[in-house]
Full PDB file with SEQRES, HELIX, SHEET, SSBOND, CRYST1, ORIGX, SCALE, CONECT and MASTER records, all heavy atoms in Angstrom:
SEQRES   1 A   37  ARG ILE VAL THR ALA THR LEU LEU VAL ALA ARG GLN ALA          
SEQRES   2 A   37  MET GLY GLN SER ALA ARG GLY LEU ARG LEU VAL ALA LEU          
SEQRES   3 A   37  SER LEU LEU THR PHE VAL PRO LEU MET LEU THR                  
HELIX    1 AA1 ILE A    2  SER A   17  1                                  16    
HELIX    2 AA2 LEU A   21  THR A   30  1                                  10    
HELIX    3 AA3 VAL A   32  LEU A   36  1                                   5    
CRYST1    1.000    1.000    1.000  90.00  90.00  90.00 P 1           1          
ORIGX1      1.000000  0.000000  0.000000        0.00000                         
ORIGX2      0.000000  1.000000  0.000000        0.00000                         
ORIGX3      0.000000  0.000000  1.000000        0.00000                         
SCALE1      1.000000  0.000000  0.000000        0.00000                         
SCALE2      0.000000  1.000000  0.000000        0.00000                         
SCALE3      0.000000  0.000000  1.000000        0.00000                         
ATOM      1  N   ARG A   1      -6.956 -17.811 -15.643  1.00  0.00           N  
ATOM      2  CA  ARG A   1      -7.252 -16.437 -16.051  1.00  0.00           C  
ATOM      3  C   ARG A   1      -7.733 -15.607 -14.877  1.00  0.00           C  
ATOM      4  O   ARG A   1      -7.415 -14.420 -14.771  1.00  0.00           O  
ATOM      5  CB  ARG A   1      -8.314 -16.452 -17.153  1.00  0.00           C  
ATOM      6  CG  ARG A   1      -7.819 -17.004 -18.484  1.00  0.00           C  
ATOM      7  CD  ARG A   1      -8.929 -16.951 -19.524  1.00  0.00           C  
ATOM      8  NE  ARG A   1      -8.478 -17.474 -20.801  1.00  0.00           N  
ATOM      9  CZ  ARG A   1      -9.256 -17.556 -21.884  1.00  0.00           C  
ATOM     10  NH1 ARG A   1     -10.526 -17.164 -21.818  1.00  0.00           N  
ATOM     11  NH2 ARG A   1      -8.781 -18.044 -23.007  1.00  0.00           N  
ATOM     12  N   ILE A   2      -8.515 -16.231 -13.984  1.00  0.00           N  
ATOM     13  CA  ILE A   2      -9.011 -15.521 -12.810  1.00  0.00           C  
ATOM     14  C   ILE A   2      -7.858 -15.123 -11.907  1.00  0.00           C  
ATOM     15  O   ILE A   2      -7.807 -13.997 -11.397  1.00  0.00           O  
ATOM     16  CB  ILE A   2     -10.031 -16.395 -12.049  1.00  0.00           C  
ATOM     17  CG1 ILE A   2     -11.287 -16.586 -12.891  1.00  0.00           C  
ATOM     18  CG2 ILE A   2     -10.379 -15.777 -10.702  1.00  0.00           C  
ATOM     19  CD1 ILE A   2     -12.330 -17.472 -12.247  1.00  0.00           C  
ATOM     20  N   VAL A   3      -6.908 -16.047 -11.694  1.00  0.00           N  
ATOM     21  CA  VAL A   3      -5.748 -15.747 -10.860  1.00  0.00           C  
ATOM     22  C   VAL A   3      -4.932 -14.617 -11.470  1.00  0.00           C  
ATOM     23  O   VAL A   3      -4.508 -13.680 -10.783  1.00  0.00           O  
ATOM     24  CB  VAL A   3      -4.878 -17.003 -10.668  1.00  0.00           C  
ATOM     25  CG1 VAL A   3      -3.592 -16.665  -9.923  1.00  0.00           C  
ATOM     26  CG2 VAL A   3      -5.652 -18.077  -9.928  1.00  0.00           C  
ATOM     27  N   THR A   4      -4.725 -14.683 -12.776  1.00  0.00           N  
ATOM     28  CA  THR A   4      -3.955 -13.644 -13.469  1.00  0.00           C  
ATOM     29  C   THR A   4      -4.638 -12.289 -13.358  1.00  0.00           C  
ATOM     30  O   THR A   4      -3.997 -11.269 -13.077  1.00  0.00           O  
ATOM     31  CB  THR A   4      -3.771 -14.012 -14.948  1.00  0.00           C  
ATOM     32  OG1 THR A   4      -3.112 -15.280 -15.041  1.00  0.00           O  
ATOM     33  CG2 THR A   4      -2.941 -12.952 -15.658  1.00  0.00           C  
ATOM     34  N   ALA A   5      -5.947 -12.277 -13.565  1.00  0.00           N  
ATOM     35  CA  ALA A   5      -6.693 -11.028 -13.475  1.00  0.00           C  
ATOM     36  C   ALA A   5      -6.636 -10.459 -12.060  1.00  0.00           C  
ATOM     37  O   ALA A   5      -6.478  -9.243 -11.867  1.00  0.00           O  
ATOM     38  CB  ALA A   5      -8.148 -11.248 -13.890  1.00  0.00           C  
ATOM     39  N   THR A   6      -6.744 -11.331 -11.065  1.00  0.00           N  
ATOM     40  CA  THR A   6      -6.675 -10.877  -9.672  1.00  0.00           C  
ATOM     41  C   THR A   6      -5.323 -10.255  -9.368  1.00  0.00           C  
ATOM     42  O   THR A   6      -5.234  -9.191  -8.728  1.00  0.00           O  
ATOM     43  CB  THR A   6      -6.924 -12.058  -8.711  1.00  0.00           C  
ATOM     44  OG1 THR A   6      -8.198 -12.641  -8.998  1.00  0.00           O  
ATOM     45  CG2 THR A   6      -6.895 -11.593  -7.267  1.00  0.00           C  
ATOM     46  N   LEU A   7      -4.263 -10.891  -9.850  1.00  0.00           N  
ATOM     47  CA  LEU A   7      -2.921 -10.364  -9.609  1.00  0.00           C  
ATOM     48  C   LEU A   7      -2.696  -9.045 -10.338  1.00  0.00           C  
ATOM     49  O   LEU A   7      -1.998  -8.151  -9.838  1.00  0.00           O  
ATOM     50  CB  LEU A   7      -1.871 -11.393 -10.034  1.00  0.00           C  
ATOM     51  CG  LEU A   7      -1.835 -12.679  -9.197  1.00  0.00           C  
ATOM     52  CD1 LEU A   7      -0.796 -13.647  -9.747  1.00  0.00           C  
ATOM     53  CD2 LEU A   7      -1.539 -12.366  -7.738  1.00  0.00           C  
ATOM     54  N   LEU A   8      -3.272  -8.905 -11.524  1.00  0.00           N  
ATOM     55  CA  LEU A   8      -3.143  -7.646 -12.255  1.00  0.00           C  
ATOM     56  C   LEU A   8      -3.835  -6.504 -11.514  1.00  0.00           C  
ATOM     57  O   LEU A   8      -3.314  -5.394 -11.424  1.00  0.00           O  
ATOM     58  CB  LEU A   8      -3.718  -7.796 -13.666  1.00  0.00           C  
ATOM     59  CG  LEU A   8      -2.895  -8.629 -14.646  1.00  0.00           C  
ATOM     60  CD1 LEU A   8      -3.659  -8.816 -15.957  1.00  0.00           C  
ATOM     61  CD2 LEU A   8      -1.544  -7.969 -14.912  1.00  0.00           C  
ATOM     62  N   VAL A   9      -5.028  -6.784 -10.994  1.00  0.00           N  
ATOM     63  CA  VAL A   9      -5.738  -5.776 -10.209  1.00  0.00           C  
ATOM     64  C   VAL A   9      -4.952  -5.439  -8.950  1.00  0.00           C  
ATOM     65  O   VAL A   9      -4.847  -4.274  -8.545  1.00  0.00           O  
ATOM     66  CB  VAL A   9      -7.155  -6.261  -9.845  1.00  0.00           C  
ATOM     67  CG1 VAL A   9      -7.836  -5.280  -8.901  1.00  0.00           C  
ATOM     68  CG2 VAL A   9      -7.992  -6.442 -11.104  1.00  0.00           C  
ATOM     69  N   ALA A  10      -4.384  -6.467  -8.314  1.00  0.00           N  
ATOM     70  CA  ALA A  10      -3.591  -6.253  -7.103  1.00  0.00           C  
ATOM     71  C   ALA A  10      -2.366  -5.394  -7.402  1.00  0.00           C  
ATOM     72  O   ALA A  10      -2.025  -4.492  -6.624  1.00  0.00           O  
ATOM     73  CB  ALA A  10      -3.157  -7.600  -6.521  1.00  0.00           C  
ATOM     74  N   ARG A  11      -1.725  -5.644  -8.541  1.00  0.00           N  
ATOM     75  CA  ARG A  11      -0.552  -4.846  -8.902  1.00  0.00           C  
ATOM     76  C   ARG A  11      -0.932  -3.394  -9.141  1.00  0.00           C  
ATOM     77  O   ARG A  11      -0.211  -2.470  -8.743  1.00  0.00           O  
ATOM     78  CB  ARG A  11       0.107  -5.432 -10.158  1.00  0.00           C  
ATOM     79  CG  ARG A  11       1.412  -4.743 -10.535  1.00  0.00           C  
ATOM     80  CD  ARG A  11       2.033  -5.375 -11.755  1.00  0.00           C  
ATOM     81  NE  ARG A  11       1.239  -5.157 -12.955  1.00  0.00           N  
ATOM     82  CZ  ARG A  11       1.593  -5.552 -14.173  1.00  0.00           C  
ATOM     83  NH1 ARG A  11       2.726  -6.230 -14.332  1.00  0.00           N  
ATOM     84  NH2 ARG A  11       0.825  -5.318 -15.217  1.00  0.00           N  
ATOM     85  N   GLN A  12      -2.087  -3.178  -9.779  1.00  0.00           N  
ATOM     86  CA  GLN A  12      -2.551  -1.814 -10.000  1.00  0.00           C  
ATOM     87  C   GLN A  12      -2.833  -1.117  -8.675  1.00  0.00           C  
ATOM     88  O   GLN A  12      -2.483   0.054  -8.479  1.00  0.00           O  
ATOM     89  CB  GLN A  12      -3.815  -1.821 -10.856  1.00  0.00           C  
ATOM     90  CG  GLN A  12      -4.348  -0.409 -11.139  1.00  0.00           C  
ATOM     91  CD  GLN A  12      -5.730  -0.440 -11.754  1.00  0.00           C  
ATOM     92  OE1 GLN A  12      -6.541  -1.310 -11.424  1.00  0.00           O  
ATOM     93  NE2 GLN A  12      -6.010   0.483 -12.657  1.00  0.00           N  
ATOM     94  N   ALA A  13      -3.455  -1.831  -7.741  1.00  0.00           N  
ATOM     95  CA  ALA A  13      -3.759  -1.252  -6.431  1.00  0.00           C  
ATOM     96  C   ALA A  13      -2.484  -0.919  -5.665  1.00  0.00           C  
ATOM     97  O   ALA A  13      -2.402   0.118  -4.990  1.00  0.00           O  
ATOM     98  CB  ALA A  13      -4.620  -2.219  -5.618  1.00  0.00           C  
ATOM     99  N   MET A  14      -1.495  -1.784  -5.768  1.00  0.00           N  
ATOM    100  CA  MET A  14      -0.221  -1.514  -5.106  1.00  0.00           C  
ATOM    101  C   MET A  14       0.451  -0.281  -5.701  1.00  0.00           C  
ATOM    102  O   MET A  14       1.018   0.532  -4.979  1.00  0.00           O  
ATOM    103  CB  MET A  14       0.706  -2.727  -5.231  1.00  0.00           C  
ATOM    104  CG  MET A  14       0.268  -3.924  -4.425  1.00  0.00           C  
ATOM    105  SD  MET A  14       1.441  -5.316  -4.523  1.00  0.00           S  
ATOM    106  CE  MET A  14       2.830  -4.644  -3.617  1.00  0.00           C  
ATOM    107  N   GLY A  15       0.360  -0.144  -7.012  1.00  0.00           N  
ATOM    108  CA  GLY A  15       0.931   1.033  -7.665  1.00  0.00           C  
ATOM    109  C   GLY A  15       0.251   2.320  -7.237  1.00  0.00           C  
ATOM    110  O   GLY A  15       0.902   3.356  -7.025  1.00  0.00           O  
ATOM    111  N   GLN A  16      -1.057   2.270  -7.076  1.00  0.00           N  
ATOM    112  CA  GLN A  16      -1.798   3.439  -6.615  1.00  0.00           C  
ATOM    113  C   GLN A  16      -1.441   3.792  -5.182  1.00  0.00           C  
ATOM    114  O   GLN A  16      -1.460   4.962  -4.795  1.00  0.00           O  
ATOM    115  CB  GLN A  16      -3.300   3.188  -6.734  1.00  0.00           C  
ATOM    116  CG  GLN A  16      -3.801   3.088  -8.166  1.00  0.00           C  
ATOM    117  CD  GLN A  16      -5.268   2.706  -8.236  1.00  0.00           C  
ATOM    118  OE1 GLN A  16      -5.851   2.232  -7.264  1.00  0.00           O  
ATOM    119  NE2 GLN A  16      -5.873   2.895  -9.405  1.00  0.00           N  
ATOM    120  N   SER A  17      -1.143   2.776  -4.374  1.00  0.00           N  
ATOM    121  CA  SER A  17      -0.824   3.005  -2.968  1.00  0.00           C  
ATOM    122  C   SER A  17       0.575   3.560  -2.772  1.00  0.00           C  
ATOM    123  O   SER A  17       0.868   4.154  -1.731  1.00  0.00           O  
ATOM    124  CB  SER A  17      -0.947   1.689  -2.181  1.00  0.00           C  
ATOM    125  OG  SER A  17      -2.237   1.149  -2.307  1.00  0.00           O  
ATOM    126  N   ALA A  18       1.446   3.342  -3.737  1.00  0.00           N  
ATOM    127  CA  ALA A  18       2.856   3.709  -3.588  1.00  0.00           C  
ATOM    128  C   ALA A  18       3.139   5.156  -3.947  1.00  0.00           C  
ATOM    129  O   ALA A  18       4.269   5.513  -4.258  1.00  0.00           O  
ATOM    130  CB  ALA A  18       3.718   2.780  -4.441  1.00  0.00           C  
ATOM    131  N   ARG A  19       2.138   5.993  -3.900  1.00  0.00           N  
ATOM    132  CA  ARG A  19       2.351   7.407  -4.183  1.00  0.00           C  
ATOM    133  C   ARG A  19       1.236   8.228  -3.540  1.00  0.00           C  
ATOM    134  O   ARG A  19       0.215   7.697  -3.133  1.00  0.00           O  
ATOM    135  CB  ARG A  19       2.360   7.656  -5.702  1.00  0.00           C  
ATOM    136  CG  ARG A  19       1.072   7.271  -6.413  1.00  0.00           C  
ATOM    137  CD  ARG A  19       1.153   7.575  -7.904  1.00  0.00           C  
ATOM    138  NE  ARG A  19      -0.090   7.289  -8.603  1.00  0.00           N  
ATOM    139  CZ  ARG A  19      -0.398   6.124  -9.146  1.00  0.00           C  
ATOM    140  NH1 ARG A  19       0.481   5.136  -9.073  1.00  0.00           N  
ATOM    141  NH2 ARG A  19      -1.560   5.941  -9.759  1.00  0.00           N  
ATOM    142  N   GLY A  20       1.484   9.519  -3.445  1.00  0.00           N  
ATOM    143  CA  GLY A  20       0.453  10.420  -2.940  1.00  0.00           C  
ATOM    144  C   GLY A  20       0.515  10.632  -1.436  1.00  0.00           C  
ATOM    145  O   GLY A  20       1.297  10.016  -0.710  1.00  0.00           O  
ATOM    146  N   LEU A  21      -0.364  11.495  -0.978  1.00  0.00           N  
ATOM    147  CA  LEU A  21      -0.408  11.847   0.438  1.00  0.00           C  
ATOM    148  C   LEU A  21      -0.873  10.682   1.299  1.00  0.00           C  
ATOM    149  O   LEU A  21      -0.484  10.571   2.461  1.00  0.00           O  
ATOM    150  CB  LEU A  21      -1.338  13.050   0.641  1.00  0.00           C  
ATOM    151  CG  LEU A  21      -0.863  14.375   0.031  1.00  0.00           C  
ATOM    152  CD1 LEU A  21      -1.914  15.457   0.250  1.00  0.00           C  
ATOM    153  CD2 LEU A  21       0.473  14.797   0.648  1.00  0.00           C  
ATOM    154  N   ARG A  22      -1.737   9.826   0.748  1.00  0.00           N  
ATOM    155  CA  ARG A  22      -2.207   8.688   1.535  1.00  0.00           C  
ATOM    156  C   ARG A  22      -1.058   7.781   1.910  1.00  0.00           C  
ATOM    157  O   ARG A  22      -1.027   7.227   3.014  1.00  0.00           O  
ATOM    158  CB  ARG A  22      -3.272   7.901   0.775  1.00  0.00           C  
ATOM    159  CG  ARG A  22      -3.861   6.766   1.597  1.00  0.00           C  
ATOM    160  CD  ARG A  22      -5.083   6.151   0.961  1.00  0.00           C  
ATOM    161  NE  ARG A  22      -4.770   5.427  -0.255  1.00  0.00           N  
ATOM    162  CZ  ARG A  22      -5.640   4.681  -0.928  1.00  0.00           C  
ATOM    163  NH1 ARG A  22      -6.885   4.605  -0.502  1.00  0.00           N  
ATOM    164  NH2 ARG A  22      -5.285   4.050  -2.035  1.00  0.00           N  
ATOM    165  N   LEU A  23      -0.097   7.613   1.010  1.00  0.00           N  
ATOM    166  CA  LEU A  23       1.071   6.787   1.315  1.00  0.00           C  
ATOM    167  C   LEU A  23       1.814   7.362   2.512  1.00  0.00           C  
ATOM    168  O   LEU A  23       2.193   6.636   3.433  1.00  0.00           O  
ATOM    169  CB  LEU A  23       1.994   6.711   0.101  1.00  0.00           C  
ATOM    170  CG  LEU A  23       3.357   6.048   0.354  1.00  0.00           C  
ATOM    171  CD1 LEU A  23       3.178   4.587   0.734  1.00  0.00           C  
ATOM    172  CD2 LEU A  23       4.255   6.186  -0.872  1.00  0.00           C  
ATOM    173  N   VAL A  24       2.020   8.677   2.512  1.00  0.00           N  
ATOM    174  CA  VAL A  24       2.756   9.319   3.600  1.00  0.00           C  
ATOM    175  C   VAL A  24       1.997   9.178   4.916  1.00  0.00           C  
ATOM    176  O   VAL A  24       2.565   8.788   5.946  1.00  0.00           O  
ATOM    177  CB  VAL A  24       3.001  10.810   3.279  1.00  0.00           C  
ATOM    178  CG1 VAL A  24       3.683  11.505   4.452  1.00  0.00           C  
ATOM    179  CG2 VAL A  24       3.835  10.943   2.014  1.00  0.00           C  
ATOM    180  N   ALA A  25       0.691   9.479   4.890  1.00  0.00           N  
ATOM    181  CA  ALA A  25      -0.109   9.446   6.109  1.00  0.00           C  
ATOM    182  C   ALA A  25      -0.196   8.036   6.683  1.00  0.00           C  
ATOM    183  O   ALA A  25       0.008   7.823   7.889  1.00  0.00           O  
ATOM    184  CB  ALA A  25      -1.505   9.993   5.828  1.00  0.00           C  
ATOM    185  N   LEU A  26      -0.488   7.046   5.837  1.00  0.00           N  
ATOM    186  CA  LEU A  26      -0.625   5.681   6.331  1.00  0.00           C  
ATOM    187  C   LEU A  26       0.721   5.080   6.722  1.00  0.00           C  
ATOM    188  O   LEU A  26       0.790   4.244   7.627  1.00  0.00           O  
ATOM    189  CB  LEU A  26      -1.306   4.812   5.281  1.00  0.00           C  
ATOM    190  CG  LEU A  26      -2.776   5.143   5.001  1.00  0.00           C  
ATOM    191  CD1 LEU A  26      -3.377   4.169   4.003  1.00  0.00           C  
ATOM    192  CD2 LEU A  26      -3.592   5.150   6.275  1.00  0.00           C  
ATOM    193  N   SER A  27       1.782   5.499   6.062  1.00  0.00           N  
ATOM    194  CA  SER A  27       3.117   5.026   6.443  1.00  0.00           C  
ATOM    195  C   SER A  27       3.478   5.531   7.837  1.00  0.00           C  
ATOM    196  O   SER A  27       4.036   4.795   8.665  1.00  0.00           O  
ATOM    197  CB  SER A  27       4.167   5.486   5.430  1.00  0.00           C  
ATOM    198  OG  SER A  27       3.929   4.895   4.169  1.00  0.00           O  
ATOM    199  N   LEU A  28       3.149   6.802   8.105  1.00  0.00           N  
ATOM    200  CA  LEU A  28       3.396   7.345   9.444  1.00  0.00           C  
ATOM    201  C   LEU A  28       2.606   6.577  10.497  1.00  0.00           C  
ATOM    202  O   LEU A  28       3.121   6.254  11.570  1.00  0.00           O  
ATOM    203  CB  LEU A  28       3.035   8.829   9.483  1.00  0.00           C  
ATOM    204  CG  LEU A  28       3.968   9.768   8.705  1.00  0.00           C  
ATOM    205  CD1 LEU A  28       3.416  11.191   8.728  1.00  0.00           C  
ATOM    206  CD2 LEU A  28       5.377   9.736   9.307  1.00  0.00           C  
ATOM    207  N   LEU A  29       1.334   6.279  10.182  1.00  0.00           N  
ATOM    208  CA  LEU A  29       0.511   5.503  11.110  1.00  0.00           C  
ATOM    209  C   LEU A  29       1.096   4.111  11.325  1.00  0.00           C  
ATOM    210  O   LEU A  29       1.144   3.609  12.457  1.00  0.00           O  
ATOM    211  CB  LEU A  29      -0.913   5.395  10.565  1.00  0.00           C  
ATOM    212  CG  LEU A  29      -1.904   4.551  11.386  1.00  0.00           C  
ATOM    213  CD1 LEU A  29      -2.126   5.166  12.756  1.00  0.00           C  
ATOM    214  CD2 LEU A  29      -3.231   4.403  10.650  1.00  0.00           C  
ATOM    215  N   THR A  30       1.562   3.501  10.250  1.00  0.00           N  
ATOM    216  CA  THR A  30       2.104   2.147  10.329  1.00  0.00           C  
ATOM    217  C   THR A  30       3.357   2.083  11.190  1.00  0.00           C  
ATOM    218  O   THR A  30       3.574   1.119  11.931  1.00  0.00           O  
ATOM    219  CB  THR A  30       2.423   1.626   8.912  1.00  0.00           C  
ATOM    220  OG1 THR A  30       1.244   1.667   8.116  1.00  0.00           O  
ATOM    221  CG2 THR A  30       2.939   0.195   8.966  1.00  0.00           C  
ATOM    222  N   PHE A  31       4.178   3.116  11.125  1.00  0.00           N  
ATOM    223  CA  PHE A  31       5.459   3.086  11.836  1.00  0.00           C  
ATOM    224  C   PHE A  31       5.393   3.711  13.224  1.00  0.00           C  
ATOM    225  O   PHE A  31       6.439   3.860  13.874  1.00  0.00           O  
ATOM    226  CB  PHE A  31       6.535   3.783  11.000  1.00  0.00           C  
ATOM    227  CG  PHE A  31       7.061   2.927   9.882  1.00  0.00           C  
ATOM    228  CD1 PHE A  31       6.633   3.133   8.582  1.00  0.00           C  
ATOM    229  CD2 PHE A  31       7.949   1.902  10.127  1.00  0.00           C  
ATOM    230  CE1 PHE A  31       7.093   2.341   7.537  1.00  0.00           C  
ATOM    231  CE2 PHE A  31       8.423   1.096   9.106  1.00  0.00           C  
ATOM    232  CZ  PHE A  31       7.994   1.320   7.799  1.00  0.00           C  
ATOM    233  N   VAL A  32       4.192   4.058  13.687  1.00  0.00           N  
ATOM    234  CA  VAL A  32       4.053   4.589  15.044  1.00  0.00           C  
ATOM    235  C   VAL A  32       4.575   3.597  16.094  1.00  0.00           C  
ATOM    236  O   VAL A  32       5.298   3.999  17.016  1.00  0.00           O  
ATOM    237  CB  VAL A  32       2.591   4.993  15.328  1.00  0.00           C  
ATOM    238  CG1 VAL A  32       2.362   5.193  16.820  1.00  0.00           C  
ATOM    239  CG2 VAL A  32       2.245   6.269  14.585  1.00  0.00           C  
ATOM    240  N   PRO A  33       4.229   2.296  16.035  1.00  0.00           N  
ATOM    241  CA  PRO A  33       4.772   1.365  17.041  1.00  0.00           C  
ATOM    242  C   PRO A  33       6.287   1.341  17.082  1.00  0.00           C  
ATOM    243  O   PRO A  33       6.885   1.322  18.168  1.00  0.00           O  
ATOM    244  CB  PRO A  33       4.214   0.005  16.596  1.00  0.00           C  
ATOM    245  CG  PRO A  33       2.970   0.328  15.848  1.00  0.00           C  
ATOM    246  CD  PRO A  33       3.280   1.616  15.129  1.00  0.00           C  
ATOM    247  N   LEU A  34       6.927   1.369  15.924  1.00  0.00           N  
ATOM    248  CA  LEU A  34       8.388   1.338  15.881  1.00  0.00           C  
ATOM    249  C   LEU A  34       8.976   2.625  16.449  1.00  0.00           C  
ATOM    250  O   LEU A  34       9.944   2.589  17.227  1.00  0.00           O  
ATOM    251  CB  LEU A  34       8.859   1.124  14.446  1.00  0.00           C  
ATOM    252  CG  LEU A  34      10.377   1.075  14.227  1.00  0.00           C  
ATOM    253  CD1 LEU A  34      11.007  -0.035  15.053  1.00  0.00           C  
ATOM    254  CD2 LEU A  34      10.699   0.883  12.751  1.00  0.00           C  
ATOM    255  N   MET A  35       8.399   3.762  16.086  1.00  0.00           N  
ATOM    256  CA  MET A  35       8.903   5.036  16.591  1.00  0.00           C  
ATOM    257  C   MET A  35       8.706   5.155  18.095  1.00  0.00           C  
ATOM    258  O   MET A  35       9.589   5.629  18.820  1.00  0.00           O  
ATOM    259  CB  MET A  35       8.219   6.199  15.856  1.00  0.00           C  
ATOM    260  CG  MET A  35       8.571   6.289  14.380  1.00  0.00           C  
ATOM    261  SD  MET A  35       7.879   7.743  13.550  1.00  0.00           S  
ATOM    262  CE  MET A  35       6.123   7.318  13.533  1.00  0.00           C  
ATOM    263  N   LEU A  36       7.553   4.722  18.582  1.00  0.00           N  
ATOM    264  CA  LEU A  36       7.285   4.780  20.013  1.00  0.00           C  
ATOM    265  C   LEU A  36       8.214   3.842  20.775  1.00  0.00           C  
ATOM    266  O   LEU A  36       8.718   4.190  21.857  1.00  0.00           O  
ATOM    267  CB  LEU A  36       5.824   4.403  20.272  1.00  0.00           C  
ATOM    268  CG  LEU A  36       5.335   4.516  21.719  1.00  0.00           C  
ATOM    269  CD1 LEU A  36       5.512   5.933  22.236  1.00  0.00           C  
ATOM    270  CD2 LEU A  36       3.871   4.096  21.818  1.00  0.00           C  
ATOM    271  N   THR A  37       8.456   2.668  20.223  1.00  0.00           N  
ATOM    272  CA  THR A  37       9.375   1.725  20.853  1.00  0.00           C  
ATOM    273  C   THR A  37      10.781   2.296  20.930  1.00  0.00           C  
ATOM    274  O   THR A  37      11.457   2.185  21.968  1.00  0.00           O  
ATOM    275  CB  THR A  37       9.396   0.398  20.076  1.00  0.00           C  
ATOM    276  OG1 THR A  37       8.093  -0.182  20.093  1.00  0.00           O  
ATOM    277  CG2 THR A  37      10.392  -0.574  20.681  1.00  0.00           C  
TER     278      THR A  37                                                      
MASTER        0    0    0    3    0    0    0    6  277    1    0    3          
END                                                                             
């Protein structure tokens, strides 16, 4: 049950991360090495 609950919380957090301005801003930060390369 603990594992299931942890995964459910993780799925909710992933869903929250997959939208909004934070996604755009952090995605740009994440891909800076690739763009610079």
